[in-house]
Amino acid sequence: MSFTFMENLPTPEELKERVPVSANLKKIKAARDDEIRRIFTGESDKFLLIIGPCSADSEDSVLEYTERLAKIQDKVADRLLLIPRIYTNKPRTTGMGYKGIMHQPDPEGKPDLEAGLIAVRNIHIHSMEQTGLTAADEMLYPANWSYVDDILSYVAIGARSVENQQHRLTASGIEIPVGMKNPTSGDMSVMINSCIAAQHGHTFIFRSSECKTDGNRLAHCVLRGATNKHGESVPNYHFEDLELLLRLYNETTLANPAVIVDTNHSNSGKKYDQQPRITREVLNSRKYDPRVRELVKGLMIESYLEPGCQPIGTDKHVYGKSITDPCLGWDETERLIYEVAALC
């Protein structure tokens, strides 16, 4: 038998009863959601930074990171809105390797999906309790949305998932901004089509039920660079790329045209230390053309407590250092946030 069904997982309703969100946190999330929505609709001219580790591998270090971020948020609140990246699902190109705390609450341990789902809710809720910041996560598995729909303020659809019908249809029923990344090929029309699908309502099967969605008018594009047939990175954050995306948006009837620029991945060629330079170029493009300024709502930046990355299982594990893609360290992150605030 190809599938071995080991045990039934708790339903989303059961898990939410075991790991609940308090009434106070619900108010915090509602206020944050409204502020983020206003940025995407153009009612607010604040700039978004979706910023944090490549993957949330340890609750202790992630909470230390988000606590530091919250202290900066208070100082830049008039210009920036900071959304911590607490990415609990990690897509893998080959399907092998660490897939995030949802799969492995202990990165060096065996998969444990029930413990992983509990860990996902705990890390998001504990961060909200300690910082007042609601976070972003990646929707690797559409059916899992129901486990986290009460705790997230931003959802990303990855480059390997954006062409998938179930991801697009699920995004159409989400009530917070959903960023649709360009595919690894770089084809912008695929990304635009995913936004069209997500902004419209659909009827489809979701978690074994027939469901109907109204469409998500906050679905938008995310430019993360591409990979050519030789495996080389092809950036798409330059002014000409932003102009092209604006033209493609204008050829549609999409609501709230918007883009978030990912400063790492194929835009940096995974050279994490290039993220500040890329950030400055995008901000210069916004300054040069008011139309681009209106289009580019924010940036995705990968950073953690320590710069770079490390393999899982090393004898000299460094606290707060990424075990997946390399990230900016905290000192440079702090300087960069203040620089972005000054330039916006």
C-alpha atoms as a PDB file:
ATOM      1  CA  MET A   1       0.000   0.000   0.000  1.00  0.00           C
ATOM      2  CA  SER A   2       1.496   3.321  -1.082  1.00  0.00           C
ATOM      3  CA  PHE A   3      -0.043   5.367   1.747  1.00  0.00           C
ATOM      4  CA  THR A   4       0.214   4.398   5.397  1.00  0.00           C
ATOM      5  CA  PHE A   5      -2.295   6.338   7.495  1.00  0.00           C
ATOM      6  CA  MET A   6      -0.733   6.525  10.947  1.00  0.00           C
ATOM      7  CA  GLU A   7      -3.184   8.589  13.005  1.00  0.00           C
ATOM      8  CA  ASN A   8      -5.931  11.163  12.721  1.00  0.00           C
ATOM      9  CA  LEU A   9      -4.824  14.725  13.412  1.00  0.00           C
ATOM     10  CA  PRO A  10      -6.985  17.095  15.466  1.00  0.00           C
ATOM     11  CA  THR A  11      -9.424  19.190  13.479  1.00  0.00           C
ATOM     12  CA  PRO A  12      -8.777  22.931  13.271  1.00  0.00           C
ATOM     13  CA  GLU A  13     -11.605  23.494  15.750  1.00  0.00           C
ATOM     14  CA  GLU A  14     -10.118  21.009  18.216  1.00  0.00           C
ATOM     15  CA  LEU A  15      -6.648  22.499  17.899  1.00  0.00           C
ATOM     16  CA  LYS A  16      -7.957  26.032  18.439  1.00  0.00           C
ATOM     17  CA  GLU A  17      -9.630  24.873  21.641  1.00  0.00           C
ATOM     18  CA  ARG A  18      -6.339  23.378  22.850  1.00  0.00           C
ATOM     19  CA  VAL A  19      -4.262  26.436  21.848  1.00  0.00           C
ATOM     20  CA  PRO A  20      -6.706  29.365  21.950  1.00  0.00           C
ATOM     21  CA  VAL A  21      -6.337  33.036  21.071  1.00  0.00           C
ATOM     22  CA  SER A  22      -7.371  35.424  23.840  1.00  0.00           C
ATOM     23  CA  ALA A  23      -9.937  38.183  23.362  1.00  0.00           C
ATOM     24  CA  ASN A  24      -7.180  40.783  23.703  1.00  0.00           C
ATOM     25  CA  LEU A  25      -5.085  39.190  20.963  1.00  0.00           C
ATOM     26  CA  LYS A  26      -8.134  39.089  18.702  1.00  0.00           C
ATOM     27  CA  LYS A  27      -8.459  42.864  19.114  1.00  0.00           C
ATOM     28  CA  ILE A  28      -4.756  43.357  18.387  1.00  0.00           C
ATOM     29  CA  LYS A  29      -4.998  41.256  15.241  1.00  0.00           C
ATOM     30  CA  ALA A  30      -8.115  43.065  14.020  1.00  0.00           C
ATOM     31  CA  ALA A  31      -6.391  46.438  14.411  1.00  0.00           C
ATOM     32  CA  ARG A  32      -3.215  45.221  12.693  1.00  0.00           C
ATOM     33  CA  ASP A  33      -5.191  43.625   9.863  1.00  0.00           C
ATOM     34  CA  ASP A  34      -7.012  46.894   9.235  1.00  0.00           C
ATOM     35  CA  GLU A  35      -3.771  48.897   9.203  1.00  0.00           C
ATOM     36  CA  ILE A  36      -2.168  46.472   6.740  1.00  0.00           C
ATOM     37  CA  ARG A  37      -5.295  46.498   4.562  1.00  0.00           C
ATOM     38  CA  ARG A  38      -5.170  50.298   4.397  1.00  0.00           C
ATOM     39  CA  ILE A  39      -1.627  50.119   3.019  1.00  0.00           C
ATOM     40  CA  PHE A  40      -2.688  47.815   0.189  1.00  0.00           C
ATOM     41  CA  THR A  41      -5.739  49.893  -0.685  1.00  0.00           C
ATOM     42  CA  GLY A  42      -3.721  53.109  -0.722  1.00  0.00           C
ATOM     43  CA  GLU A  43      -5.542  54.671   2.231  1.00  0.00           C
ATOM     44  CA  SER A  44      -2.239  54.672   4.148  1.00  0.00           C
ATOM     45  CA  ASP A  45       1.151  55.633   2.727  1.00  0.00           C
ATOM     46  CA  LYS A  46       3.117  53.610   5.258  1.00  0.00           C
ATOM     47  CA  PHE A  47       5.675  51.158   3.878  1.00  0.00           C
ATOM     48  CA  LEU A  48       5.661  47.452   4.759  1.00  0.00           C
ATOM     49  CA  LEU A  49       8.658  45.397   5.823  1.00  0.00           C
ATOM     50  CA  ILE A  50       7.923  41.675   5.991  1.00  0.00           C
ATOM     51  CA  ILE A  51      11.082  40.738   7.789  1.00  0.00           C
ATOM     52  CA  GLY A  52      12.565  37.841   9.717  1.00  0.00           C
ATOM     53  CA  PRO A  53      14.214  34.424   9.471  1.00  0.00           C
ATOM     54  CA  CYS A  54      14.072  32.234   6.390  1.00  0.00           C
ATOM     55  CA  SER A  55      12.445  29.619   8.624  1.00  0.00           C
ATOM     56  CA  ALA A  56      11.246  29.747  12.229  1.00  0.00           C
ATOM     57  CA  ASP A  57      13.299  26.872  13.576  1.00  0.00           C
ATOM     58  CA  SER A  58      13.351  27.705  17.316  1.00  0.00           C
ATOM     59  CA  GLU A  59      10.686  29.448  19.380  1.00  0.00           C
ATOM     60  CA  ASP A  60      13.204  30.953  21.796  1.00  0.00           C
ATOM     61  CA  SER A  61      15.341  32.652  19.160  1.00  0.00           C
ATOM     62  CA  VAL A  62      12.353  33.700  17.051  1.00  0.00           C
ATOM     63  CA  LEU A  63      10.702  35.340  20.071  1.00  0.00           C
ATOM     64  CA  GLU A  64      13.921  37.157  20.905  1.00  0.00           C
ATOM     65  CA  TYR A  65      14.031  38.397  17.310  1.00  0.00           C
ATOM     66  CA  THR A  66      10.403  39.591  17.288  1.00  0.00           C
ATOM     67  CA  GLU A  67      10.857  41.315  20.667  1.00  0.00           C
ATOM     68  CA  ARG A  68      13.763  43.296  19.212  1.00  0.00           C
ATOM     69  CA  LEU A  69      11.649  44.075  16.160  1.00  0.00           C
ATOM     70  CA  ALA A  70       8.785  45.360  18.320  1.00  0.00           C
ATOM     71  CA  LYS A  71      11.088  47.896  20.004  1.00  0.00           C
ATOM     72  CA  ILE A  72      12.024  49.297  16.586  1.00  0.00           C
ATOM     73  CA  GLN A  73       8.388  49.319  15.431  1.00  0.00           C
ATOM     74  CA  ASP A  74       7.570  51.827  18.142  1.00  0.00           C
ATOM     75  CA  LYS A  75      10.270  54.161  16.814  1.00  0.00           C
ATOM     76  CA  VAL A  76       9.344  53.966  13.102  1.00  0.00           C
ATOM     77  CA  ALA A  77       5.556  53.651  13.447  1.00  0.00           C
ATOM     78  CA  ASP A  78       4.886  56.898  11.580  1.00  0.00           C
ATOM     79  CA  ARG A  79       6.495  55.542   8.380  1.00  0.00           C
ATOM     80  CA  LEU A  80       6.828  51.764   8.548  1.00  0.00           C
ATOM     81  CA  LEU A  81       4.728  48.785   9.514  1.00  0.00           C
ATOM     82  CA  LEU A  82       6.812  45.748  10.433  1.00  0.00           C
ATOM     83  CA  ILE A  83       5.419  42.241   9.885  1.00  0.00           C
ATOM     84  CA  PRO A  84       7.611  39.499  11.378  1.00  0.00           C
ATOM     85  CA  ARG A  85       8.321  36.526   9.148  1.00  0.00           C
ATOM     86  CA  ILE A  86       7.430  33.494  11.262  1.00  0.00           C
ATOM     87  CA  TYR A  87       7.631  30.896   8.523  1.00  0.00           C
ATOM     88  CA  THR A  88       6.707  27.522   9.967  1.00  0.00           C
ATOM     89  CA  ASN A  89       6.573  25.636   6.657  1.00  0.00           C
ATOM     90  CA  LYS A  90       9.666  25.353   4.484  1.00  0.00           C
ATOM     91  CA  PRO A  91       9.225  24.332   0.821  1.00  0.00           C
ATOM     92  CA  ARG A  92      11.990  22.112  -0.520  1.00  0.00           C
ATOM     93  CA  THR A  93      12.944  21.995  -4.192  1.00  0.00           C
ATOM     94  CA  THR A  94      13.578  18.242  -4.129  1.00  0.00           C
ATOM     95  CA  GLY A  95      11.201  17.457  -1.258  1.00  0.00           C
ATOM     96  CA  MET A  96      14.142  16.511   0.950  1.00  0.00           C
ATOM     97  CA  GLY A  97      15.494  18.215   4.063  1.00  0.00           C
ATOM     98  CA  TYR A  98      14.043  20.265   6.903  1.00  0.00           C
ATOM     99  CA  LYS A  99      10.449  21.285   6.154  1.00  0.00           C
ATOM    100  CA  GLY A 100       9.874  23.577   9.126  1.00  0.00           C
ATOM    101  CA  ILE A 101       8.591  23.219  12.670  1.00  0.00           C
ATOM    102  CA  MET A 102       5.182  22.059  11.490  1.00  0.00           C
ATOM    103  CA  HIS A 103       6.898  18.875  10.315  1.00  0.00           C
ATOM    104  CA  GLN A 104       9.684  18.779  12.876  1.00  0.00           C
ATOM    105  CA  PRO A 105       9.238  20.763  16.098  1.00  0.00           C
ATOM    106  CA  ASP A 106      12.772  19.567  16.820  1.00  0.00           C
ATOM    107  CA  PRO A 107      14.809  20.197  13.637  1.00  0.00           C
ATOM    108  CA  GLU A 108      17.053  17.271  14.541  1.00  0.00           C
ATOM    109  CA  GLY A 109      14.181  14.969  15.497  1.00  0.00           C
ATOM    110  CA  LYS A 110      11.689  12.869  13.586  1.00  0.00           C
ATOM    111  CA  PRO A 111       8.554  14.305  11.950  1.00  0.00           C
ATOM    112  CA  ASP A 112       5.668  14.794  14.385  1.00  0.00           C
ATOM    113  CA  LEU A 113       2.758  16.526  12.694  1.00  0.00           C
ATOM    114  CA  GLU A 114       0.436  16.886  15.701  1.00  0.00           C
ATOM    115  CA  ALA A 115       3.194  18.329  17.880  1.00  0.00           C
ATOM    116  CA  GLY A 116       4.165  20.484  14.915  1.00  0.00           C
ATOM    117  CA  LEU A 117       0.692  21.980  14.543  1.00  0.00           C
ATOM    118  CA  ILE A 118       0.683  22.816  18.250  1.00  0.00           C
ATOM    119  CA  ALA A 119       4.158  24.350  17.920  1.00  0.00           C
ATOM    120  CA  VAL A 120       2.974  26.506  14.997  1.00  0.00           C
ATOM    121  CA  ARG A 121       0.098  27.987  16.991  1.00  0.00           C
ATOM    122  CA  ASN A 122       2.264  28.415  20.074  1.00  0.00           C
ATOM    123  CA  ILE A 123       5.054  30.336  18.355  1.00  0.00           C
ATOM    124  CA  HIS A 124       2.646  32.722  16.633  1.00  0.00           C
ATOM    125  CA  ILE A 125       0.500  33.291  19.731  1.00  0.00           C
ATOM    126  CA  HIS A 126       3.464  33.710  22.075  1.00  0.00           C
ATOM    127  CA  SER A 127       5.004  36.250  19.700  1.00  0.00           C
ATOM    128  CA  MET A 128       1.724  38.202  19.573  1.00  0.00           C
ATOM    129  CA  GLU A 129       1.454  38.140  23.367  1.00  0.00           C
ATOM    130  CA  GLN A 130       4.994  39.409  23.908  1.00  0.00           C
ATOM    131  CA  THR A 131       5.227  41.964  21.089  1.00  0.00           C
ATOM    132  CA  GLY A 132       1.773  42.969  19.850  1.00  0.00           C
ATOM    133  CA  LEU A 133       2.963  42.156  16.324  1.00  0.00           C
ATOM    134  CA  THR A 134       0.991  39.757  14.160  1.00  0.00           C
ATOM    135  CA  ALA A 135       3.048  37.836  11.639  1.00  0.00           C
ATOM    136  CA  ALA A 136       3.400  36.426   8.136  1.00  0.00           C
ATOM    137  CA  ASP A 137       3.692  32.759   7.227  1.00  0.00           C
ATOM    138  CA  GLU A 138       3.852  30.766   4.010  1.00  0.00           C
ATOM    139  CA  MET A 139       0.893  28.647   2.921  1.00  0.00           C
ATOM    140  CA  LEU A 140       2.694  25.506   1.859  1.00  0.00           C
ATOM    141  CA  TYR A 141      -0.374  23.287   2.360  1.00  0.00           C
ATOM    142  CA  PRO A 142      -3.726  24.941   1.541  1.00  0.00           C
ATOM    143  CA  ALA A 143      -5.739  22.611   3.792  1.00  0.00           C
ATOM    144  CA  ASN A 144      -3.715  23.791   6.798  1.00  0.00           C
ATOM    145  CA  TRP A 145      -5.014  27.361   6.455  1.00  0.00           C
ATOM    146  CA  SER A 146      -7.867  26.527   8.834  1.00  0.00           C
ATOM    147  CA  TYR A 147      -5.358  25.851  11.625  1.00  0.00           C
ATOM    148  CA  VAL A 148      -3.900  29.385  11.465  1.00  0.00           C
ATOM    149  CA  ASP A 149      -6.615  31.623  10.009  1.00  0.00           C
ATOM    150  CA  ASP A 150      -7.110  33.361  13.375  1.00  0.00           C
ATOM    151  CA  ILE A 151      -3.458  34.252  14.016  1.00  0.00           C
ATOM    152  CA  LEU A 152      -1.874  35.481  10.758  1.00  0.00           C
ATOM    153  CA  SER A 153      -1.911  38.943   9.170  1.00  0.00           C
ATOM    154  CA  TYR A 154      -0.127  38.090   5.910  1.00  0.00           C
ATOM    155  CA  VAL A 155       0.176  34.954   3.789  1.00  0.00           C
ATOM    156  CA  ALA A 156       2.742  34.161   1.098  1.00  0.00           C
ATOM    157  CA  ILE A 157       2.270  31.692  -1.766  1.00  0.00           C
ATOM    158  CA  GLY A 158       5.670  30.411  -2.835  1.00  0.00           C
ATOM    159  CA  ALA A 159       7.207  30.287  -6.291  1.00  0.00           C
ATOM    160  CA  ARG A 160       6.693  26.519  -6.524  1.00  0.00           C
ATOM    161  CA  SER A 161       3.053  26.717  -5.429  1.00  0.00           C
ATOM    162  CA  VAL A 162       1.735  29.766  -7.257  1.00  0.00           C
ATOM    163  CA  GLU A 163       0.580  27.790 -10.317  1.00  0.00           C
ATOM    164  CA  ASN A 164      -1.287  25.259  -8.181  1.00  0.00           C
ATOM    165  CA  GLN A 165      -5.071  25.510  -8.490  1.00  0.00           C
ATOM    166  CA  GLN A 166      -5.783  24.640  -4.860  1.00  0.00           C
ATOM    167  CA  HIS A 167      -3.449  27.381  -3.595  1.00  0.00           C
ATOM    168  CA  ARG A 168      -5.117  29.936  -5.844  1.00  0.00           C
ATOM    169  CA  LEU A 169      -8.654  28.940  -4.882  1.00  0.00           C
ATOM    170  CA  THR A 170      -7.851  28.814  -1.176  1.00  0.00           C
ATOM    171  CA  ALA A 171      -6.292  32.288  -1.428  1.00  0.00           C
ATOM    172  CA  SER A 172      -9.630  33.515  -2.790  1.00  0.00           C
ATOM    173  CA  GLY A 173     -11.250  32.789   0.568  1.00  0.00           C
ATOM    174  CA  ILE A 174      -8.616  34.411   2.776  1.00  0.00           C
ATOM    175  CA  GLU A 175      -9.458  37.810   4.275  1.00  0.00           C
ATOM    176  CA  ILE A 176      -5.915  39.147   4.723  1.00  0.00           C
ATOM    177  CA  PRO A 177      -3.305  40.063   2.082  1.00  0.00           C
ATOM    178  CA  VAL A 178      -1.943  37.096   0.127  1.00  0.00           C
ATOM    179  CA  GLY A 179       1.312  37.585  -1.777  1.00  0.00           C
ATOM    180  CA  MET A 180       1.573  35.517  -4.970  1.00  0.00           C
ATOM    181  CA  LYS A 181       5.245  35.082  -5.885  1.00  0.00           C
ATOM    182  CA  ASN A 182       6.409  34.862  -9.458  1.00  0.00           C
ATOM    183  CA  PRO A 183       7.277  31.251 -10.396  1.00  0.00           C
ATOM    184  CA  THR A 184      10.902  30.166 -10.552  1.00  0.00           C
ATOM    185  CA  SER A 185      10.729  30.620 -14.345  1.00  0.00           C
ATOM    186  CA  GLY A 186      10.096  34.334 -13.743  1.00  0.00           C
ATOM    187  CA  ASP A 187       6.974  34.413 -15.936  1.00  0.00           C
ATOM    188  CA  MET A 188       5.051  37.452 -14.694  1.00  0.00           C
ATOM    189  CA  SER A 189       1.876  36.424 -16.522  1.00  0.00           C
ATOM    190  CA  VAL A 190       1.649  33.341 -14.284  1.00  0.00           C
ATOM    191  CA  MET A 191       1.841  35.588 -11.219  1.00  0.00           C
ATOM    192  CA  ILE A 192      -0.783  37.972 -12.619  1.00  0.00           C
ATOM    193  CA  ASN A 193      -3.081  35.043 -13.440  1.00  0.00           C
ATOM    194  CA  SER A 194      -2.731  33.752  -9.894  1.00  0.00           C
ATOM    195  CA  CYS A 195      -3.840  37.170  -8.609  1.00  0.00           C
ATOM    196  CA  ILE A 196      -6.825  37.154 -10.958  1.00  0.00           C
ATOM    197  CA  ALA A 197      -7.830  33.713  -9.684  1.00  0.00           C
ATOM    198  CA  ALA A 198      -7.375  34.744  -6.043  1.00  0.00           C
ATOM    199  CA  GLN A 199      -9.343  37.981  -6.405  1.00  0.00           C
ATOM    200  CA  HIS A 200     -12.394  36.177  -7.774  1.00  0.00           C
ATOM    201  CA  GLY A 201     -14.838  33.891  -5.972  1.00  0.00           C
ATOM    202  CA  HIS A 202     -14.942  30.148  -6.589  1.00  0.00           C
ATOM    203  CA  THR A 203     -16.763  26.976  -5.604  1.00  0.00           C
ATOM    204  CA  PHE A 204     -14.468  24.020  -4.883  1.00  0.00           C
ATOM    205  CA  ILE A 205     -13.610  21.189  -2.500  1.00  0.00           C
ATOM    206  CA  PHE A 206     -11.847  22.287   0.679  1.00  0.00           C
ATOM    207  CA  ARG A 207     -11.182  19.973   3.633  1.00  0.00           C
ATOM    208  CA  SER A 208     -13.674  17.395   2.263  1.00  0.00           C
ATOM    209  CA  SER A 209     -16.485  19.941   1.924  1.00  0.00           C
ATOM    210  CA  GLU A 210     -17.983  21.906  -0.945  1.00  0.00           C
ATOM    211  CA  CYS A 211     -17.230  25.556  -0.206  1.00  0.00           C
ATOM    212  CA  LYS A 212     -17.763  28.927  -1.845  1.00  0.00           C
ATOM    213  CA  THR A 213     -15.461  31.956  -1.622  1.00  0.00           C
ATOM    214  CA  ASP A 214     -16.025  35.652  -2.329  1.00  0.00           C
ATOM    215  CA  GLY A 215     -12.557  36.511  -3.681  1.00  0.00           C
ATOM    216  CA  ASN A 216      -9.655  38.271  -1.975  1.00  0.00           C
ATOM    217  CA  ARG A 217      -9.163  41.825  -3.253  1.00  0.00           C
ATOM    218  CA  LEU A 218      -5.906  42.044  -1.300  1.00  0.00           C
ATOM    219  CA  ALA A 219      -4.172  39.339  -3.340  1.00  0.00           C
ATOM    220  CA  HIS A 220      -1.063  40.874  -4.939  1.00  0.00           C
ATOM    221  CA  CYS A 221       2.265  40.122  -6.612  1.00  0.00           C
ATOM    222  CA  VAL A 222       5.632  39.347  -5.044  1.00  0.00           C
ATOM    223  CA  LEU A 223       8.791  39.652  -7.152  1.00  0.00           C
ATOM    224  CA  ARG A 224      11.437  37.196  -5.941  1.00  0.00           C
ATOM    225  CA  GLY A 225      13.671  36.835  -8.998  1.00  0.00           C
ATOM    226  CA  ALA A 226      13.899  33.851 -11.316  1.00  0.00           C
ATOM    227  CA  THR A 227      16.178  31.028 -12.402  1.00  0.00           C
ATOM    228  CA  ASN A 228      17.129  30.510 -16.060  1.00  0.00           C
ATOM    229  CA  LYS A 229      17.746  27.201 -17.837  1.00  0.00           C
ATOM    230  CA  HIS A 230      21.383  27.268 -16.743  1.00  0.00           C
ATOM    231  CA  GLY A 231      20.396  27.506 -13.081  1.00  0.00           C
ATOM    232  CA  GLU A 232      21.523  31.132 -12.861  1.00  0.00           C
ATOM    233  CA  SER A 233      19.626  33.750 -10.869  1.00  0.00           C
ATOM    234  CA  VAL A 234      17.808  36.450 -12.863  1.00  0.00           C
ATOM    235  CA  PRO A 235      16.776  39.441 -10.699  1.00  0.00           C
ATOM    236  CA  ASN A 236      13.464  41.205 -11.302  1.00  0.00           C
ATOM    237  CA  TYR A 237      13.590  44.087  -8.806  1.00  0.00           C
ATOM    238  CA  HIS A 238      15.004  46.689 -11.227  1.00  0.00           C
ATOM    239  CA  PHE A 239      13.047  49.771 -12.321  1.00  0.00           C
ATOM    240  CA  GLU A 240      12.303  48.222 -15.732  1.00  0.00           C
ATOM    241  CA  ASP A 241      10.817  45.133 -14.042  1.00  0.00           C
ATOM    242  CA  LEU A 242       8.577  47.285 -11.878  1.00  0.00           C
ATOM    243  CA  GLU A 243       7.461  49.272 -14.925  1.00  0.00           C
ATOM    244  CA  LEU A 244       6.636  46.032 -16.766  1.00  0.00           C
ATOM    245  CA  LEU A 245       4.613  44.733 -13.830  1.00  0.00           C
ATOM    246  CA  LEU A 246       2.725  48.019 -13.637  1.00  0.00           C
ATOM    247  CA  ARG A 247       1.850  47.738 -17.326  1.00  0.00           C
ATOM    248  CA  LEU A 248       0.649  44.149 -16.861  1.00  0.00           C
ATOM    249  CA  TYR A 249      -1.501  45.216 -13.917  1.00  0.00           C
ATOM    250  CA  ASN A 250      -3.006  48.032 -15.994  1.00  0.00           C
ATOM    251  CA  GLU A 251      -4.034  45.519 -18.657  1.00  0.00           C
ATOM    252  CA  THR A 252      -6.284  43.785 -16.106  1.00  0.00           C
ATOM    253  CA  THR A 253      -9.197  44.818 -13.913  1.00  0.00           C
ATOM    254  CA  LEU A 254      -7.420  43.726 -10.737  1.00  0.00           C
ATOM    255  CA  ALA A 255      -8.231  45.667  -7.581  1.00  0.00           C
ATOM    256  CA  ASN A 256      -5.524  47.337  -5.523  1.00  0.00           C
ATOM    257  CA  PRO A 257      -2.482  46.861  -7.824  1.00  0.00           C
ATOM    258  CA  ALA A 258       0.455  46.167  -5.514  1.00  0.00           C
ATOM    259  CA  VAL A 259       3.788  44.401  -5.309  1.00  0.00           C
ATOM    260  CA  ILE A 260       6.115  43.358  -2.521  1.00  0.00           C
ATOM    261  CA  VAL A 261       9.762  42.973  -3.586  1.00  0.00           C
ATOM    262  CA  ASP A 262      11.643  40.032  -2.095  1.00  0.00           C
ATOM    263  CA  THR A 263      15.235  41.184  -1.591  1.00  0.00           C
ATOM    264  CA  ASN A 264      16.670  37.672  -1.181  1.00  0.00           C
ATOM    265  CA  HIS A 265      16.187  34.382  -3.073  1.00  0.00           C
ATOM    266  CA  SER A 266      16.878  34.769  -6.803  1.00  0.00           C
ATOM    267  CA  ASN A 267      16.891  38.561  -6.569  1.00  0.00           C
ATOM    268  CA  SER A 268      20.084  38.376  -4.534  1.00  0.00           C
ATOM    269  CA  GLY A 269      21.285  35.034  -5.864  1.00  0.00           C
ATOM    270  CA  LYS A 270      20.976  33.997  -2.180  1.00  0.00           C
ATOM    271  CA  LYS A 271      23.805  36.407  -1.377  1.00  0.00           C
ATOM    272  CA  TYR A 272      22.101  37.628   1.753  1.00  0.00           C
ATOM    273  CA  ASP A 273      24.501  40.530   2.250  1.00  0.00           C
ATOM    274  CA  GLN A 274      23.196  42.096  -0.994  1.00  0.00           C
ATOM    275  CA  GLN A 275      19.768  42.744   0.516  1.00  0.00           C
ATOM    276  CA  PRO A 276      20.583  46.267   1.753  1.00  0.00           C
ATOM    277  CA  ARG A 277      21.829  47.259  -1.715  1.00  0.00           C
ATOM    278  CA  ILE A 278      18.698  45.844  -3.357  1.00  0.00           C
ATOM    279  CA  THR A 279      16.541  47.623  -0.788  1.00  0.00           C
ATOM    280  CA  ARG A 280      18.157  50.954  -1.641  1.00  0.00           C
ATOM    281  CA  GLU A 281      17.634  50.446  -5.376  1.00  0.00           C
ATOM    282  CA  VAL A 282      13.937  49.662  -4.933  1.00  0.00           C
ATOM    283  CA  LEU A 283      13.491  52.734  -2.740  1.00  0.00           C
ATOM    284  CA  ASN A 284      15.266  54.857  -5.376  1.00  0.00           C
ATOM    285  CA  SER A 285      12.869  53.510  -8.029  1.00  0.00           C
ATOM    286  CA  ARG A 286       9.915  54.529  -5.841  1.00  0.00           C
ATOM    287  CA  LYS A 287      11.408  57.985  -5.418  1.00  0.00           C
ATOM    288  CA  TYR A 288      12.015  58.386  -9.160  1.00  0.00           C
ATOM    289  CA  ASP A 289       8.483  57.539 -10.357  1.00  0.00           C
ATOM    290  CA  PRO A 290       5.271  58.257  -8.378  1.00  0.00           C
ATOM    291  CA  ARG A 291       3.504  55.395 -10.180  1.00  0.00           C
ATOM    292  CA  VAL A 292       6.145  52.946  -8.970  1.00  0.00           C
ATOM    293  CA  ARG A 293       5.930  54.438  -5.496  1.00  0.00           C
ATOM    294  CA  GLU A 294       2.217  53.698  -5.438  1.00  0.00           C
ATOM    295  CA  LEU A 295       2.758  50.161  -6.772  1.00  0.00           C
ATOM    296  CA  VAL A 296       5.551  49.004  -4.428  1.00  0.00           C
ATOM    297  CA  LYS A 297       3.962  48.587  -1.014  1.00  0.00           C
ATOM    298  CA  GLY A 298       6.901  46.979   0.752  1.00  0.00           C
ATOM    299  CA  LEU A 299       9.816  44.579   0.904  1.00  0.00           C
ATOM    300  CA  MET A 300      10.509  41.055   2.095  1.00  0.00           C
ATOM    301  CA  ILE A 301      13.843  40.798   3.909  1.00  0.00           C
ATOM    302  CA  GLU A 302      15.391  37.676   5.405  1.00  0.00           C
ATOM    303  CA  SER A 303      17.213  38.365   8.661  1.00  0.00           C
ATOM    304  CA  TYR A 304      17.860  36.698  12.009  1.00  0.00           C
ATOM    305  CA  LEU A 305      19.902  37.279  15.146  1.00  0.00           C
ATOM    306  CA  GLU A 306      23.163  36.096  13.561  1.00  0.00           C
ATOM    307  CA  PRO A 307      24.294  36.521   9.921  1.00  0.00           C
ATOM    308  CA  GLY A 308      24.613  33.668   7.431  1.00  0.00           C
ATOM    309  CA  CYS A 309      23.432  30.100   7.928  1.00  0.00           C
ATOM    310  CA  GLN A 310      24.551  26.809   9.438  1.00  0.00           C
ATOM    311  CA  PRO A 311      23.835  23.124   8.808  1.00  0.00           C
ATOM    312  CA  ILE A 312      21.468  21.188  11.050  1.00  0.00           C
ATOM    313  CA  GLY A 313      23.209  18.994  13.594  1.00  0.00           C
ATOM    314  CA  THR A 314      26.462  20.912  13.801  1.00  0.00           C
ATOM    315  CA  ASP A 315      28.466  20.389  16.998  1.00  0.00           C
ATOM    316  CA  LYS A 316      28.816  24.161  17.330  1.00  0.00           C
ATOM    317  CA  HIS A 317      25.220  25.254  16.883  1.00  0.00           C
ATOM    318  CA  VAL A 318      24.916  29.058  16.889  1.00  0.00           C
ATOM    319  CA  TYR A 319      21.802  30.400  18.614  1.00  0.00           C
ATOM    320  CA  GLY A 320      19.714  32.567  16.290  1.00  0.00           C
ATOM    321  CA  LYS A 321      21.509  31.560  13.074  1.00  0.00           C
ATOM    322  CA  SER A 322      19.468  30.231  10.148  1.00  0.00           C
ATOM    323  CA  ILE A 323      19.466  26.503   9.403  1.00  0.00           C
ATOM    324  CA  THR A 324      18.027  27.123   5.935  1.00  0.00           C
ATOM    325  CA  ASP A 325      18.823  30.100   3.667  1.00  0.00           C
ATOM    326  CA  PRO A 326      21.410  32.633   4.899  1.00  0.00           C
ATOM    327  CA  CYS A 327      20.045  35.790   6.528  1.00  0.00           C
ATOM    328  CA  LEU A 328      21.220  39.242   7.546  1.00  0.00           C
ATOM    329  CA  GLY A 329      22.353  39.508  11.164  1.00  0.00           C
ATOM    330  CA  TRP A 330      20.602  41.715  13.686  1.00  0.00           C
ATOM    331  CA  ASP A 331      23.027  44.641  13.730  1.00  0.00           C
ATOM    332  CA  GLU A 332      22.758  45.182   9.989  1.00  0.00           C
ATOM    333  CA  THR A 333      18.999  44.566  10.111  1.00  0.00           C
ATOM    334  CA  GLU A 334      18.507  47.310  12.685  1.00  0.00           C
ATOM    335  CA  ARG A 335      20.556  49.795  10.656  1.00  0.00           C
ATOM    336  CA  LEU A 336      18.649  48.879   7.498  1.00  0.00           C
ATOM    337  CA  ILE A 337      15.209  49.376   9.063  1.00  0.00           C
ATOM    338  CA  TYR A 338      16.124  52.860  10.244  1.00  0.00           C
ATOM    339  CA  GLU A 339      17.572  53.652   6.808  1.00  0.00           C
ATOM    340  CA  VAL A 340      14.361  52.524   5.105  1.00  0.00           C
ATOM    341  CA  ALA A 341      12.329  54.675   7.483  1.00  0.00           C
ATOM    342  CA  ALA A 342      14.473  57.700   6.621  1.00  0.00           C
ATOM    343  CA  LEU A 343      14.122  57.128   2.864  1.00  0.00           C
ATOM    344  CA  CYS A 344      10.359  56.473   2.769  1.00  0.00           C
END
